[in-house]
Amino acid sequence: MPKKPAPEQPSASFEQAMAELEQLVAKMESGELPLEASVAAYQRGSELVKYCAAQLERVERQVKVLEGDMLKPFATDQEDEDDDE
């Protein structure tokens, strides 16, 4: 049975992961990748998406702690105008 290649480590930072993900998406959308490379790029993209989502959740939890769970939904200008009426 062939060995599965070890998954690549996530990028060192959220920003690097997002940049790598953008590059993968651009290559996939351009159609320049052969089928097997496209599948590998899709798998790597999935890993990057999971990593980025986990980083965002971690930061959100930190912000909630810092704000004492007093976060309020972001109001758009339109919602503010509606409230004034």
C-alpha atoms as a PDB file:
ATOM      1  CA  MET A   1       0.000   0.000   0.000  1.00  0.00           C
ATOM      2  CA  PRO A   2       1.510   3.395  -0.935  1.00  0.00           C
ATOM      3  CA  LYS A   3       2.345   5.739   1.904  1.00  0.00           C
ATOM      4  CA  LYS A   4       0.383   8.939   2.232  1.00  0.00           C
ATOM      5  CA  PRO A   5       2.613  11.986   2.183  1.00  0.00           C
ATOM      6  CA  ALA A   6       2.757  13.723   5.542  1.00  0.00           C
ATOM      7  CA  PRO A   7       0.503  16.779   5.564  1.00  0.00           C
ATOM      8  CA  GLU A   8       2.382  20.024   5.315  1.00  0.00           C
ATOM      9  CA  GLN A   9       2.570  22.091   8.448  1.00  0.00           C
ATOM     10  CA  PRO A  10       0.295  25.111   8.557  1.00  0.00           C
ATOM     11  CA  SER A  11       1.868  28.409   7.715  1.00  0.00           C
ATOM     12  CA  ALA A  12       3.670  30.341  10.436  1.00  0.00           C
ATOM     13  CA  SER A  13       0.927  32.969  10.584  1.00  0.00           C
ATOM     14  CA  PHE A  14      -2.661  33.621   9.610  1.00  0.00           C
ATOM     15  CA  GLU A  15      -1.507  36.115   6.995  1.00  0.00           C
ATOM     16  CA  GLN A  16       0.902  33.625   5.410  1.00  0.00           C
ATOM     17  CA  ALA A  17      -1.803  30.959   5.357  1.00  0.00           C
ATOM     18  CA  MET A  18      -4.206  33.351   3.642  1.00  0.00           C
ATOM     19  CA  ALA A  19      -1.557  34.347   1.081  1.00  0.00           C
ATOM     20  CA  GLU A  20      -0.818  30.692   0.312  1.00  0.00           C
ATOM     21  CA  LEU A  21      -4.538  29.974   0.018  1.00  0.00           C
ATOM     22  CA  GLU A  22      -4.986  32.874  -2.408  1.00  0.00           C
ATOM     23  CA  GLN A  23      -2.124  31.548  -4.544  1.00  0.00           C
ATOM     24  CA  LEU A  24      -3.630  28.053  -4.587  1.00  0.00           C
ATOM     25  CA  VAL A  25      -7.032  29.394  -5.582  1.00  0.00           C
ATOM     26  CA  ALA A  26      -5.507  31.473  -8.378  1.00  0.00           C
ATOM     27  CA  LYS A  27      -3.624  28.460  -9.760  1.00  0.00           C
ATOM     28  CA  MET A  28      -6.708  26.262  -9.575  1.00  0.00           C
ATOM     29  CA  GLU A  29      -8.924  28.865 -11.217  1.00  0.00           C
ATOM     30  CA  SER A  30      -6.407  29.420 -14.015  1.00  0.00           C
ATOM     31  CA  GLY A  31      -6.644  25.766 -15.030  1.00  0.00           C
ATOM     32  CA  GLU A  32      -2.858  25.457 -15.227  1.00  0.00           C
ATOM     33  CA  LEU A  33      -2.654  22.530 -12.792  1.00  0.00           C
ATOM     34  CA  PRO A  34      -2.964  18.914 -13.916  1.00  0.00           C
ATOM     35  CA  LEU A  35      -5.659  16.827 -12.229  1.00  0.00           C
ATOM     36  CA  GLU A  36      -3.475  15.265  -9.516  1.00  0.00           C
ATOM     37  CA  ALA A  37      -1.905  18.617  -8.662  1.00  0.00           C
ATOM     38  CA  SER A  38      -5.391  20.133  -8.471  1.00  0.00           C
ATOM     39  CA  VAL A  39      -6.464  17.477  -5.982  1.00  0.00           C
ATOM     40  CA  ALA A  40      -3.324  18.096  -3.899  1.00  0.00           C
ATOM     41  CA  ALA A  41      -3.940  21.851  -4.048  1.00  0.00           C
ATOM     42  CA  TYR A  42      -7.538  21.314  -2.948  1.00  0.00           C
ATOM     43  CA  GLN A  43      -6.385  19.205   0.013  1.00  0.00           C
ATOM     44  CA  ARG A  44      -3.789  21.802   1.012  1.00  0.00           C
ATOM     45  CA  GLY A  45      -6.418  24.527   0.640  1.00  0.00           C
ATOM     46  CA  SER A  46      -8.748  22.609   2.942  1.00  0.00           C
ATOM     47  CA  GLU A  47      -5.984  22.382   5.557  1.00  0.00           C
ATOM     48  CA  LEU A  48      -5.321  26.102   5.250  1.00  0.00           C
ATOM     49  CA  VAL A  49      -9.018  26.961   5.577  1.00  0.00           C
ATOM     50  CA  LYS A  50      -9.271  24.859   8.744  1.00  0.00           C
ATOM     51  CA  TYR A  51      -6.124  26.481  10.145  1.00  0.00           C
ATOM     52  CA  CYS A  52      -7.386  30.002   9.398  1.00  0.00           C
ATOM     53  CA  ALA A  53     -10.831  29.269  10.848  1.00  0.00           C
ATOM     54  CA  ALA A  54      -9.237  27.919  14.034  1.00  0.00           C
ATOM     55  CA  GLN A  55      -7.034  31.009  14.299  1.00  0.00           C
ATOM     56  CA  LEU A  56     -10.057  33.290  13.884  1.00  0.00           C
ATOM     57  CA  GLU A  57     -12.020  31.372  16.527  1.00  0.00           C
ATOM     58  CA  ARG A  58      -9.076  31.574  18.924  1.00  0.00           C
ATOM     59  CA  VAL A  59      -8.774  35.335  18.428  1.00  0.00           C
ATOM     60  CA  GLU A  60     -12.528  35.776  18.822  1.00  0.00           C
ATOM     61  CA  ARG A  61     -12.394  33.960  22.165  1.00  0.00           C
ATOM     62  CA  GLN A  62      -9.528  36.189  23.284  1.00  0.00           C
ATOM     63  CA  VAL A  63     -11.444  39.325  22.317  1.00  0.00           C
ATOM     64  CA  LYS A  64     -14.514  38.100  24.199  1.00  0.00           C
ATOM     65  CA  VAL A  65     -12.403  37.578  27.297  1.00  0.00           C
ATOM     66  CA  LEU A  66     -10.832  41.019  26.928  1.00  0.00           C
ATOM     67  CA  GLU A  67     -14.236  42.627  26.434  1.00  0.00           C
ATOM     68  CA  GLY A  68     -15.838  40.651  29.255  1.00  0.00           C
ATOM     69  CA  ASP A  69     -18.305  39.001  26.855  1.00  0.00           C
ATOM     70  CA  MET A  70     -19.849  42.407  26.236  1.00  0.00           C
ATOM     71  CA  LEU A  71     -19.482  42.241  22.466  1.00  0.00           C
ATOM     72  CA  LYS A  72     -22.312  43.816  20.533  1.00  0.00           C
ATOM     73  CA  PRO A  73     -23.178  43.185  16.893  1.00  0.00           C
ATOM     74  CA  PHE A  74     -21.612  45.610  14.471  1.00  0.00           C
ATOM     75  CA  ALA A  75     -24.236  48.121  13.334  1.00  0.00           C
ATOM     76  CA  THR A  76     -24.132  49.471   9.803  1.00  0.00           C
ATOM     77  CA  ASP A  77     -24.918  53.076   8.997  1.00  0.00           C
ATOM     78  CA  GLN A  78     -28.268  51.967   7.542  1.00  0.00           C
ATOM     79  CA  GLU A  79     -29.250  50.263  10.810  1.00  0.00           C
ATOM     80  CA  ASP A  80     -28.255  53.402  12.757  1.00  0.00           C
ATOM     81  CA  GLU A  81     -30.482  55.519  10.506  1.00  0.00           C
ATOM     82  CA  ASP A  82     -33.385  53.113  10.997  1.00  0.00           C
ATOM     83  CA  ASP A  83     -33.001  53.354  14.776  1.00  0.00           C
ATOM     84  CA  ASP A  84     -33.197  57.169  14.660  1.00  0.00           C
ATOM     85  CA  GLU A  85     -36.662  57.131  13.068  1.00  0.00           C
END
